Protein backbone atom coordinates (compact mmCIF):
# COMPACT_ATOMS: atom_id res chain seq x y z
CA MET A 1 11.12 -255.59 -7.98
CA GLN A 2 11.08 -251.81 -7.93
CA ARG A 3 8.05 -249.54 -7.98
CA GLU A 4 9.57 -247.16 -10.55
CA LYS A 5 10.07 -250.01 -13.04
CA MET A 6 6.57 -251.31 -12.42
CA LEU A 7 5.12 -247.85 -13.04
CA GLU A 8 7.13 -247.61 -16.23
CA GLN A 9 5.57 -250.86 -17.50
CA LEU A 10 2.10 -249.61 -16.56
CA GLU A 11 2.59 -246.29 -18.36
CA ASN A 12 4.18 -247.80 -21.47
CA ARG A 13 1.51 -250.41 -22.10
CA GLN A 14 -0.58 -249.46 -25.14
CA GLU A 15 -3.04 -252.37 -25.16
CA ALA A 16 -5.73 -253.17 -22.63
CA TRP A 17 -4.74 -255.60 -19.89
CA ASP A 18 -6.43 -258.97 -19.77
CA LEU A 19 -7.07 -258.62 -16.04
CA VAL A 20 -6.72 -255.88 -13.43
CA ILE A 21 -6.78 -257.10 -9.83
CA ILE A 22 -7.68 -254.65 -7.07
CA GLY A 23 -6.12 -255.60 -3.74
CA GLY A 24 -2.65 -256.72 -2.66
CA GLY A 25 -3.49 -259.08 0.19
CA ALA A 26 -3.42 -262.88 0.21
CA THR A 27 -6.44 -263.25 -2.09
CA GLY A 28 -5.40 -260.67 -4.68
CA LEU A 29 -1.80 -261.85 -4.80
CA GLY A 30 -2.85 -265.48 -5.09
CA ALA A 31 -5.17 -264.62 -7.98
CA ALA A 32 -2.41 -262.58 -9.64
CA ILE A 33 0.01 -265.52 -9.61
CA GLU A 34 -2.69 -267.88 -10.85
CA ALA A 35 -3.67 -265.49 -13.66
CA VAL A 36 -0.22 -264.64 -15.00
CA SER A 37 0.94 -268.26 -14.79
CA ARG A 38 -1.99 -269.22 -17.04
CA GLY A 39 -1.19 -266.65 -19.70
CA LEU A 40 -3.16 -263.54 -18.72
CA LYS A 41 -1.55 -260.10 -19.00
CA THR A 42 -2.20 -259.08 -15.42
CA LEU A 43 -1.88 -255.85 -13.42
CA LEU A 44 -2.36 -255.71 -9.64
CA VAL A 45 -2.92 -252.43 -7.81
CA GLU A 46 -2.93 -251.94 -4.03
CA GLN A 47 -4.01 -248.68 -2.40
CA TYR A 48 -1.47 -248.93 0.42
CA ASP A 49 1.19 -251.60 0.93
CA TYR A 50 1.02 -255.32 0.20
CA ALA A 51 -0.64 -257.17 3.10
CA LYS A 52 -1.22 -253.85 4.89
CA GLY A 53 -4.59 -255.04 6.20
CA THR A 54 -5.86 -258.42 7.33
CA SER A 55 -3.15 -260.41 5.54
CA SER A 56 -0.38 -259.27 7.91
CA ARG A 57 -2.41 -259.70 11.10
CA SER A 58 -3.27 -263.39 11.20
CA THR A 59 -2.60 -265.91 13.97
CA LYS A 60 0.41 -267.00 11.84
CA LEU A 61 -1.05 -270.46 11.26
CA VAL A 62 -1.33 -272.48 8.06
CA HIS A 63 -3.98 -274.82 9.35
CA GLY A 64 -6.95 -276.97 8.53
CA GLY A 65 -9.04 -275.44 11.30
CA VAL A 66 -9.64 -277.82 14.18
CA ARG A 67 -12.59 -275.73 15.34
CA TYR A 68 -14.22 -275.92 11.90
CA LEU A 69 -14.08 -279.70 12.24
CA ALA A 70 -15.88 -279.37 15.58
CA GLN A 71 -18.54 -277.32 13.76
CA GLY A 72 -18.96 -280.13 11.25
CA ASN A 73 -17.50 -278.24 8.27
CA VAL A 74 -15.57 -281.23 6.95
CA THR A 75 -15.38 -279.92 3.36
CA LEU A 76 -13.61 -276.70 4.40
CA VAL A 77 -11.24 -278.58 6.72
CA LYS A 78 -10.33 -281.10 4.03
CA GLU A 79 -9.62 -278.35 1.49
CA ALA A 80 -7.55 -276.37 4.02
CA LEU A 81 -5.53 -279.43 5.05
CA ARG A 82 -4.74 -280.20 1.42
CA GLU A 83 -3.68 -276.59 0.75
CA ARG A 84 -1.65 -276.52 3.99
CA GLY A 85 0.47 -279.39 2.72
CA ARG A 86 0.92 -277.80 -0.69
CA LEU A 87 1.96 -274.45 0.77
CA LYS A 88 4.55 -276.12 2.97
CA LYS A 89 6.01 -277.77 -0.13
CA ASN A 90 5.98 -274.56 -2.17
CA ALA A 91 7.39 -272.20 0.49
CA PRO A 92 9.35 -274.36 2.95
CA HIS A 93 11.46 -271.37 4.04
CA LEU A 94 8.34 -269.73 5.52
CA VAL A 95 6.03 -272.60 6.46
CA LYS A 96 7.08 -275.07 9.13
CA ASP A 97 5.57 -277.90 11.13
CA GLN A 98 4.18 -276.76 14.46
CA SER A 99 3.32 -279.18 17.25
CA PHE A 100 0.34 -278.19 19.40
CA ILE A 101 -0.67 -279.49 22.81
CA ILE A 102 -4.27 -279.40 24.00
CA PRO A 103 -3.96 -279.52 27.82
CA ASN A 104 -6.80 -281.47 29.41
CA TYR A 105 -8.13 -280.64 32.84
CA SER A 106 -11.02 -283.11 32.77
CA TRP A 107 -10.82 -286.91 32.70
CA TRP A 108 -12.66 -287.23 29.40
CA GLY A 109 -10.54 -284.66 27.51
CA VAL A 110 -7.67 -286.89 26.42
CA PRO A 111 -9.76 -289.64 24.74
CA PHE A 112 -12.28 -287.12 23.35
CA TYR A 113 -9.70 -284.90 21.60
CA THR A 114 -7.53 -287.83 20.55
CA ILE A 115 -10.44 -289.32 18.59
CA GLY A 116 -11.29 -285.98 16.95
CA LEU A 117 -7.71 -285.28 15.97
CA VAL A 118 -7.20 -288.74 14.48
CA LEU A 119 -10.02 -287.77 12.09
CA TYR A 120 -8.14 -284.50 11.42
CA ASP A 121 -5.07 -286.54 10.47
CA LEU A 122 -7.09 -288.85 8.24
CA LEU A 123 -8.57 -285.91 6.35
CA ALA A 124 -5.04 -284.62 5.65
CA GLY A 125 -4.11 -287.94 4.03
CA ARG A 126 -0.65 -288.00 2.42
CA LEU A 127 -0.19 -284.31 3.23
CA SER A 128 -0.39 -284.89 6.98
CA LEU A 129 2.30 -283.09 9.01
CA GLY A 130 2.39 -285.63 11.82
CA LYS A 131 0.39 -288.07 13.90
CA SER A 132 -1.87 -286.93 16.74
CA ARG A 133 -1.39 -288.80 20.01
CA PRO A 134 -2.12 -288.54 23.73
CA PHE A 135 0.52 -287.38 26.24
CA SER A 136 0.69 -288.18 29.92
CA LYS A 137 0.64 -285.40 32.50
CA SER A 138 4.42 -285.61 33.01
CA LYS A 139 5.17 -285.55 29.29
CA THR A 140 2.78 -282.63 28.75
CA LEU A 141 4.57 -280.63 31.46
CA GLN A 142 7.94 -281.66 30.07
CA LYS A 143 6.98 -280.11 26.70
CA VAL A 144 5.25 -277.04 28.19
CA PRO A 145 6.62 -276.59 31.73
CA THR A 146 4.77 -273.29 32.22
CA LEU A 147 1.33 -274.96 32.18
CA VAL A 148 -0.67 -275.08 35.40
CA ALA A 149 -0.13 -278.59 36.80
CA ASP A 150 -3.05 -278.74 39.25
CA ASN A 151 -5.86 -280.99 37.96
CA LEU A 152 -3.99 -281.61 34.69
CA TYR A 153 -4.81 -285.07 33.35
CA GLY A 154 -2.54 -284.93 30.34
CA GLY A 155 -2.58 -283.55 26.83
CA VAL A 156 -3.19 -284.36 23.19
CA VAL A 157 -0.61 -283.46 20.57
CA TYR A 158 -1.51 -282.61 17.00
CA HIS A 159 0.32 -280.95 14.11
CA ASP A 160 -0.42 -277.91 11.97
CA GLY A 161 1.63 -275.37 10.04
CA GLN A 162 3.05 -272.02 11.15
CA PHE A 163 4.28 -269.19 8.92
CA ASP A 164 5.09 -265.51 8.54
CA ASP A 165 2.13 -263.98 6.74
CA SER A 166 3.45 -260.68 5.39
CA ARG A 167 6.78 -262.23 4.38
CA LEU A 168 4.82 -264.78 2.34
CA ALA A 169 2.87 -261.92 0.77
CA ILE A 170 6.11 -260.20 -0.27
CA ASN A 171 7.38 -263.46 -1.79
CA MET A 172 4.09 -263.74 -3.67
CA VAL A 173 4.50 -260.25 -5.16
CA GLN A 174 8.03 -261.23 -6.18
CA THR A 175 6.75 -264.49 -7.69
CA PHE A 176 4.16 -262.55 -9.68
CA ALA A 177 6.84 -260.12 -10.90
CA ASP A 178 9.20 -262.99 -11.77
CA MET A 179 6.44 -264.39 -14.00
CA GLY A 180 6.01 -261.09 -15.86
CA GLY A 181 3.15 -259.59 -13.87
CA VAL A 182 3.01 -255.91 -12.94
CA ALA A 183 2.18 -254.88 -9.37
CA VAL A 184 2.07 -251.33 -7.98
CA ASN A 185 1.52 -250.46 -4.33
CA TYR A 186 0.20 -247.08 -3.16
CA MET A 187 -2.06 -247.00 -6.22
CA LYS A 188 -5.67 -246.38 -5.21
CA VAL A 189 -8.73 -247.23 -7.30
CA ASP A 190 -11.15 -244.31 -7.12
CA GLY A 191 -13.52 -245.33 -9.89
CA LEU A 192 -14.43 -247.96 -12.48
CA LEU A 193 -14.42 -247.51 -16.26
CA LYS A 194 -17.46 -248.75 -18.16
CA GLN A 195 -18.57 -249.19 -21.75
CA ASP A 196 -22.18 -250.11 -22.55
CA GLY A 197 -22.75 -250.85 -18.86
CA GLN A 198 -19.85 -253.29 -18.64
CA VAL A 199 -16.78 -252.67 -16.49
CA ASN A 200 -13.72 -252.38 -18.74
CA GLY A 201 -11.08 -250.90 -16.48
CA VAL A 202 -10.28 -248.79 -13.44
CA LYS A 203 -9.46 -245.20 -12.57
CA VAL A 204 -6.49 -245.02 -10.22
CA VAL A 205 -4.49 -242.33 -8.47
CA ASP A 206 -0.83 -242.68 -7.51
CA GLN A 207 -0.79 -241.99 -3.76
CA GLU A 208 2.82 -240.81 -3.95
CA THR A 209 2.56 -238.33 -6.82
CA GLY A 210 -1.16 -237.62 -7.10
CA LYS A 211 -1.07 -238.58 -10.81
CA ASN A 212 -4.27 -240.08 -12.24
CA TYR A 213 -4.47 -243.00 -14.68
CA GLU A 214 -7.24 -244.67 -16.64
CA ILE A 215 -6.39 -248.33 -17.12
CA HIS A 216 -8.37 -250.46 -19.54
CA SER A 217 -8.79 -254.20 -19.17
CA ARG A 218 -10.99 -257.01 -20.38
CA ALA A 219 -11.78 -258.08 -16.81
CA VAL A 220 -11.57 -256.55 -13.32
CA LEU A 221 -11.30 -258.60 -10.13
CA ASN A 222 -12.23 -257.06 -6.79
CA ALA A 223 -10.10 -258.81 -4.14
CA THR A 224 -10.02 -256.13 -1.45
CA GLY A 225 -10.89 -258.24 1.58
CA VAL A 226 -12.99 -256.39 4.14
CA PHE A 227 -13.30 -253.49 1.68
CA VAL A 228 -14.91 -255.41 -1.22
CA ASP A 229 -18.27 -253.73 -0.66
CA ASP A 230 -16.71 -250.31 -1.29
CA ILE A 231 -15.65 -251.42 -4.78
CA CYS A 232 -18.99 -253.14 -5.40
CA LYS A 233 -20.81 -249.89 -4.58
CA MET A 234 -18.59 -248.00 -7.05
CA ASP A 235 -20.12 -250.33 -9.61
CA ASP A 236 -23.67 -250.37 -8.21
CA PRO A 237 -24.61 -248.13 -5.25
CA GLN A 238 -27.52 -250.50 -4.50
CA ALA A 239 -25.37 -253.64 -4.37
CA ARG A 240 -26.13 -255.99 -1.46
CA GLU A 241 -23.30 -256.17 1.06
CA LEU A 242 -21.20 -259.31 0.70
CA VAL A 243 -19.08 -259.06 3.83
CA ARG A 244 -19.64 -259.22 7.55
CA VAL A 245 -16.58 -257.88 9.36
CA SER A 246 -15.17 -259.77 12.33
CA GLN A 247 -12.26 -258.55 14.46
CA GLY A 248 -9.54 -260.76 15.88
CA VAL A 249 -6.96 -259.48 18.36
CA HIS A 250 -3.56 -260.96 19.26
CA LEU A 251 -1.11 -260.21 22.05
CA VAL A 252 2.62 -260.82 21.70
CA LEU A 253 4.48 -261.98 24.82
CA ASP A 254 8.04 -262.84 25.71
CA LYS A 255 9.13 -266.39 24.86
CA SER A 256 9.51 -267.19 28.58
CA PHE A 257 5.74 -267.69 28.81
CA ILE A 258 6.03 -270.77 26.56
CA PRO A 259 9.77 -271.50 26.44
CA GLY A 260 9.74 -274.65 24.31
CA ASP A 261 8.83 -275.38 20.70
CA TYR A 262 5.28 -276.55 21.40
CA ALA A 263 2.25 -274.31 20.97
CA ILE A 264 -0.88 -274.48 23.12
CA MET A 265 -4.45 -274.71 21.90
CA ILE A 266 -7.33 -274.16 24.30
CA PRO A 267 -10.27 -275.73 22.42
CA LYS A 268 -13.10 -274.08 24.33
CA THR A 269 -12.87 -270.88 26.31
CA ARG A 270 -15.63 -269.56 28.59
CA ASP A 271 -17.45 -267.96 25.67
CA GLY A 272 -16.99 -270.86 23.26
CA ARG A 273 -13.97 -269.52 21.37
CA VAL A 274 -10.60 -271.14 20.69
CA LEU A 275 -7.37 -269.68 22.07
CA PHE A 276 -3.91 -270.28 20.61
CA ALA A 277 -0.51 -269.49 22.11
CA VAL A 278 2.06 -270.01 19.37
CA PRO A 279 5.87 -269.53 19.37
CA TRP A 280 6.81 -267.06 16.61
CA HIS A 281 10.14 -265.30 15.90
CA ASP A 282 11.35 -265.96 19.47
CA LYS A 283 8.15 -264.49 20.94
CA VAL A 284 4.69 -265.96 21.65
CA VAL A 285 1.52 -264.88 19.80
CA VAL A 286 -1.64 -265.35 21.87
CA GLY A 287 -5.14 -265.01 20.45
CA THR A 288 -7.62 -264.62 19.07
CA THR A 289 -10.96 -262.91 19.60
CA ASP A 290 -13.98 -262.91 17.32
CA ILE A 291 -16.29 -259.92 17.58
CA GLN A 292 -18.48 -258.32 14.98
CA LYS A 293 -17.54 -254.84 13.76
CA GLU A 294 -19.97 -252.41 12.18
CA LYS A 295 -17.57 -251.32 9.47
CA ALA A 296 -14.15 -252.06 8.02
CA GLU A 297 -11.19 -249.96 9.16
CA LEU A 298 -7.63 -249.81 7.87
CA GLU A 299 -6.17 -249.64 11.39
CA PRO A 300 -8.62 -251.43 13.69
CA LEU A 301 -8.07 -250.98 17.43
CA ALA A 302 -8.05 -253.73 20.03
CA LEU A 303 -10.81 -253.24 22.57
CA ASP A 304 -10.07 -253.49 26.29
CA GLU A 305 -12.57 -256.34 26.58
CA GLU A 306 -10.63 -258.33 23.95
CA ILE A 307 -7.29 -257.71 25.64
CA ASP A 308 -8.72 -258.66 29.03
CA PHE A 309 -10.29 -261.80 27.59
CA ILE A 310 -6.97 -263.03 26.18
CA LEU A 311 -5.00 -262.19 29.33
CA GLU A 312 -7.60 -263.74 31.62
CA THR A 313 -7.94 -266.92 29.55
CA ALA A 314 -4.18 -267.41 29.16
CA GLY A 315 -3.73 -266.69 32.86
CA ARG A 316 -5.93 -269.65 33.81
CA PHE A 317 -3.58 -272.06 32.03
CA LEU A 318 -0.12 -270.58 32.65
CA VAL A 319 1.80 -270.70 35.94
CA LYS A 320 2.74 -267.04 35.49
CA PRO A 321 -0.40 -265.22 34.32
CA PRO A 322 0.51 -262.54 31.75
CA THR A 323 -0.41 -258.93 32.54
CA ARG A 324 -0.67 -255.81 30.39
CA LYS A 325 2.92 -254.85 31.18
CA ASP A 326 4.10 -258.18 29.71
CA VAL A 327 2.59 -257.39 26.29
CA LYS A 328 5.25 -256.53 23.71
CA SER A 329 2.68 -255.64 21.07
CA VAL A 330 -1.05 -255.88 20.46
CA PHE A 331 -2.47 -256.10 16.95
CA ALA A 332 -5.96 -256.34 15.54
CA GLY A 333 -7.05 -257.76 12.19
CA LEU A 334 -10.39 -257.86 10.41
CA ARG A 335 -11.79 -260.99 8.79
CA PRO A 336 -13.95 -260.68 5.67
CA LEU A 337 -16.66 -263.22 6.41
CA ALA A 338 -19.28 -263.98 3.81
CA ALA A 339 -22.42 -262.14 4.99
CA PRO A 340 -25.21 -264.60 5.85
CA GLN A 341 -28.46 -264.52 3.88
CA LYS A 342 -30.42 -264.35 7.13
CA GLU A 343 -29.77 -262.04 10.03
CA GLY A 344 -29.02 -263.35 13.49
CA LYS A 345 -25.82 -265.33 13.01
CA ASN A 346 -22.88 -264.29 15.14
CA THR A 347 -19.41 -264.23 13.59
CA LYS A 348 -18.34 -267.56 15.11
CA GLU A 349 -21.16 -269.24 13.15
CA ILE A 350 -20.65 -267.50 9.79
CA SER A 351 -18.95 -269.59 7.11
CA ARG A 352 -15.18 -269.23 6.76
CA GLY A 353 -15.45 -270.41 3.15
CA HIS A 354 -15.00 -268.06 0.20
CA ILE A 355 -17.58 -266.67 -2.20
CA ILE A 356 -17.27 -265.40 -5.76
CA LYS A 357 -19.83 -263.03 -7.26
CA VAL A 358 -20.14 -261.70 -10.81
CA ALA A 359 -22.13 -258.46 -11.06
CA ASP A 360 -24.38 -257.60 -14.01
CA SER A 361 -21.61 -255.23 -15.10
CA GLY A 362 -19.08 -258.09 -15.26
CA LEU A 363 -17.19 -256.99 -12.14
CA VAL A 364 -15.88 -260.12 -10.44
CA THR A 365 -15.59 -260.10 -6.64
CA ILE A 366 -14.01 -262.71 -4.38
CA THR A 367 -14.08 -262.59 -0.60
CA GLY A 368 -14.06 -264.75 2.51
CA GLY A 369 -11.72 -267.69 2.88
CA LYS A 370 -8.45 -267.64 4.79
CA TRP A 371 -4.70 -267.51 4.23
CA THR A 372 -4.32 -271.28 4.09
CA THR A 373 -6.71 -271.65 1.16
CA TYR A 374 -5.53 -268.66 -0.90
CA ARG A 375 -4.24 -270.86 -3.75
CA GLN A 376 -7.48 -272.80 -4.16
CA MET A 377 -9.44 -269.54 -4.01
CA ALA A 378 -7.20 -268.15 -6.74
CA GLN A 379 -7.68 -271.18 -8.97
CA ASP A 380 -11.46 -271.06 -8.49
CA VAL A 381 -11.76 -267.37 -9.38
CA ILE A 382 -9.42 -267.49 -12.38
CA ASP A 383 -11.26 -270.54 -13.71
CA LEU A 384 -14.43 -268.45 -13.53
CA VAL A 385 -12.79 -265.39 -15.11
CA GLY A 386 -11.50 -267.56 -17.95
CA ALA A 387 -14.95 -268.96 -18.66
CA LYS A 388 -16.79 -265.64 -18.25
CA PHE A 389 -14.49 -263.62 -20.52
CA ASN A 390 -13.61 -266.37 -23.01
CA PHE A 391 -9.90 -266.38 -22.21
CA ASN A 392 -7.98 -269.28 -23.68
CA LEU A 393 -6.41 -270.24 -20.37
CA GLN A 394 -3.56 -272.66 -19.86
CA GLY A 395 -4.02 -275.26 -17.14
CA SER A 396 -3.34 -274.30 -13.54
CA LYS A 397 0.32 -274.67 -12.53
CA THR A 398 0.23 -273.43 -8.94
CA VAL A 399 -0.31 -276.71 -7.07
CA ASN A 400 3.41 -277.46 -7.23
CA TYR A 401 4.83 -274.04 -8.13
CA LYS A 402 7.77 -273.00 -5.94
CA LEU A 403 7.32 -269.46 -4.64
CA HIS A 404 10.07 -266.83 -4.79
CA GLY A 405 12.63 -267.46 -2.04
CA TYR A 406 12.07 -271.22 -2.05
CA LYS A 407 14.69 -272.92 0.09
CA GLU A 408 14.54 -276.27 1.84
CA ASN A 409 15.77 -277.08 5.34
CA VAL A 410 16.29 -273.52 6.53
CA ASP A 411 17.92 -273.05 9.92
CA LEU A 412 15.18 -271.52 12.06
CA SER A 413 17.77 -270.28 14.57
CA ASN A 414 19.20 -268.06 11.82
CA PRO A 415 17.57 -264.61 12.25
CA PHE A 416 17.46 -264.15 8.45
CA TYR A 417 15.97 -267.56 7.60
CA TYR A 418 12.73 -266.02 6.27
CA TYR A 419 14.57 -264.56 3.27
CA GLY A 420 15.05 -268.08 1.99
CA ALA A 421 17.08 -268.12 -1.24
CA ASP A 422 17.38 -264.30 -1.10
CA GLU A 423 19.36 -264.34 2.15
CA GLU A 424 22.74 -264.62 0.46
CA SER A 425 22.03 -261.67 -1.85
CA MET A 426 20.73 -259.56 1.02
CA LEU A 427 23.82 -260.27 3.12
CA ALA A 428 26.06 -259.55 0.12
CA LEU A 429 25.07 -255.89 0.58
CA ALA A 430 26.66 -255.98 4.02
CA LYS A 431 29.81 -257.59 2.65
CA GLU A 432 30.14 -254.92 -0.03
CA ASN A 433 29.54 -252.10 2.45
CA LYS A 434 30.61 -252.89 6.03
CA ALA A 435 28.42 -250.08 7.40
CA LEU A 436 25.36 -252.05 6.29
CA ALA A 437 26.39 -254.97 8.50
CA GLU A 438 25.78 -252.82 11.59
CA PRO A 439 22.82 -253.86 13.73
CA ILE A 440 19.80 -251.59 14.03
CA SER A 441 18.29 -253.76 16.75
CA SER A 442 20.19 -256.55 18.48
CA ASN A 443 17.00 -257.54 20.29
CA LEU A 444 15.13 -258.13 17.02
CA SER A 445 18.20 -259.14 14.95
CA ILE A 446 17.77 -256.42 12.31
CA ILE A 447 20.73 -255.01 10.39
CA LYS A 448 21.02 -252.00 8.09
CA ALA A 449 21.40 -254.12 4.95
CA GLN A 450 17.80 -255.31 5.39
CA VAL A 451 16.50 -251.76 4.98
CA VAL A 452 18.42 -251.25 1.73
CA TRP A 453 17.30 -254.66 0.46
CA ALA A 454 13.66 -253.91 1.31
CA VAL A 455 13.74 -250.69 -0.72
CA ARG A 456 15.64 -252.12 -3.69
CA GLN A 457 14.06 -255.56 -3.96
CA GLU A 458 10.82 -255.62 -1.94
CA MET A 459 9.15 -252.33 -2.88
CA ALA A 460 9.19 -250.89 0.66
CA ARG A 461 8.17 -247.23 0.46
CA THR A 462 7.67 -246.14 4.06
CA VAL A 463 9.15 -246.72 7.50
CA GLU A 464 5.98 -248.61 8.37
CA ASP A 465 6.41 -250.91 5.36
CA PHE A 466 9.80 -251.96 6.67
CA LEU A 467 9.08 -252.18 10.39
CA ALA A 468 5.60 -253.71 10.13
CA ARG A 469 5.81 -256.04 7.11
CA ARG A 470 9.34 -256.46 5.60
CA THR A 471 10.50 -257.17 9.13
CA ARG A 472 7.97 -257.80 11.90
CA ALA A 473 9.40 -255.34 14.42
CA LEU A 474 6.09 -253.54 15.06
CA LEU A 475 4.32 -256.78 15.92
CA LEU A 476 7.19 -258.35 17.88
CA ASP A 477 8.13 -255.39 20.07
CA ALA A 478 6.30 -252.15 19.31
CA ARG A 479 8.36 -250.00 21.70
CA GLU A 480 11.63 -251.27 20.27
CA SER A 481 10.36 -250.55 16.76
CA VAL A 482 9.79 -246.90 17.68
CA GLU A 483 13.33 -246.69 19.08
CA ILE A 484 14.91 -247.89 15.84
CA ALA A 485 12.60 -245.98 13.47
CA PRO A 486 14.95 -242.96 13.07
CA VAL A 487 17.77 -245.15 11.72
CA VAL A 488 15.37 -246.87 9.34
CA ALA A 489 13.99 -243.53 8.14
CA GLU A 490 17.48 -242.17 7.46
CA LEU A 491 18.50 -245.23 5.44
CA MET A 492 15.26 -245.24 3.46
CA ALA A 493 15.48 -241.50 2.73
CA ARG A 494 18.93 -242.04 1.25
CA GLU A 495 17.75 -244.95 -0.94
CA LEU A 496 14.56 -243.20 -2.06
CA HIS A 497 16.25 -239.80 -2.53
CA LYS A 498 13.96 -238.12 -0.01
CA ASN A 499 14.67 -234.99 2.05
CA GLY A 500 14.62 -234.22 5.76
CA GLU A 501 10.99 -233.15 5.63
CA TRP A 502 10.00 -236.61 4.35
CA THR A 503 12.04 -238.23 7.13
CA GLN A 504 10.38 -236.18 9.86
CA GLN A 505 6.89 -236.86 8.49
CA GLN A 506 7.63 -240.57 8.30
CA LEU A 507 8.73 -240.65 11.93
CA LYS A 508 5.70 -238.69 13.05
CA ASP A 509 3.35 -241.01 11.14
CA TYR A 510 5.06 -244.12 12.45
CA GLU A 511 5.06 -243.03 16.09
CA GLU A 512 1.35 -242.24 15.80
CA LEU A 513 0.67 -245.68 14.31
CA ALA A 514 2.78 -247.54 16.89
CA LYS A 515 0.74 -246.08 19.77
CA ASN A 516 -2.06 -248.46 18.78
CA TYR A 517 0.26 -251.44 19.25
CA ILE A 518 1.60 -250.43 22.67
CA LEU A 519 -0.47 -251.25 25.76
CA ASP A 520 -0.72 -248.88 28.66
CA SER A 521 0.36 -251.01 31.62
CA ASN A 522 -2.17 -249.39 33.98
């Protein structure tokens, strides 16, 4: 999967594409796999890198949504639980069972949450990941010894899925390419093509070379997440806004704060939100917040009030309250929530379901939803595209389709487990060239061969691509990622045939970016 070869296919194609998809996040990639697997000649373009935005900044959960059940949204929960089970079967190297404990500090908590979570299990049916059950105080503390013991009555255990979001996105691009699809990152849409008022393609500019292309297609799908309204307004400047933007912030802490394998879920914080603390890549991800933003941003910034909220809430449940100096990285993501018809709803009340809209011009837009339900969203929108544009579609194959990298029973203690079936080929680079076996970061278990692999096989184009999304260094330890960036830049420059000027600019850009992920300890 190399960008040069993808560009070559784009440039050499004489006929119109069946479908052009704008957006390389979870929704766009899911739709791309669905489309190409059902016989459509499909091109996907992404203005930056795959999963650059929201899709790499999730809570790292493949879940039904316990809080949506509390809100009474049984339909969404049932769909998400079904898709959770399917995703675990289709990408077992990236999706694993995660046990959660809800600590209860009131006498009624254990029976109350046990009853609710039994319903959660029933909705999952045959795709359930495990049985919810109550734990005594001693067993709760045995599983999570860092919990505050005073006034603890016990806990309730339930099961959900946990994953690596941007690694799944990369495997989805590879799956799409394996099926014959064409995907190009750093390819920005700056206009729509029309004939007789109907959209019949896109105008794009290659962000690396500045070259412009006009790409014709029978259908265009806008799957740009929080930026869908920008594309809609290219089509119709008067288009009603489809998205309300909500920000969620996460803090990454050392594993010592929750040393075991169990995650914690606080079902109701002081302002009515849910807080998770989840083990991830030998660290702990704590979050999230839910505040409305006026506009979408590519690099949203965590607000002090969000950081303080997470630290304060976590500190009430943990024996050692985390402080700003304990934060390895802070990251913010934006959720594309379907804008309500009536004003006045806050973001916690807005539907987490997805919406599909077809404009008068034929432009199809999909937004909303969440990572867990990406496959169902994809099937829904491609079904609609097939009907709207009279495509003779094959039946959907994605329910049981194994994603690129599929590998069962991976060893989670292996630092390279997330490569799945590609691990052996990646490590073969280090066997062929001993220099590539050298570690870049012992702390984060990154070796030089991973950089070369990311460029040759995963379409990494920048230092950020590698440190933020091909590995998760930026999110796991932002300071460490800055320390190792020069080695990464040197290796990438060699692979991409870039000069010293490129290397210096990359390092400057990356250091500027990383500042947003590093907390001032004052």
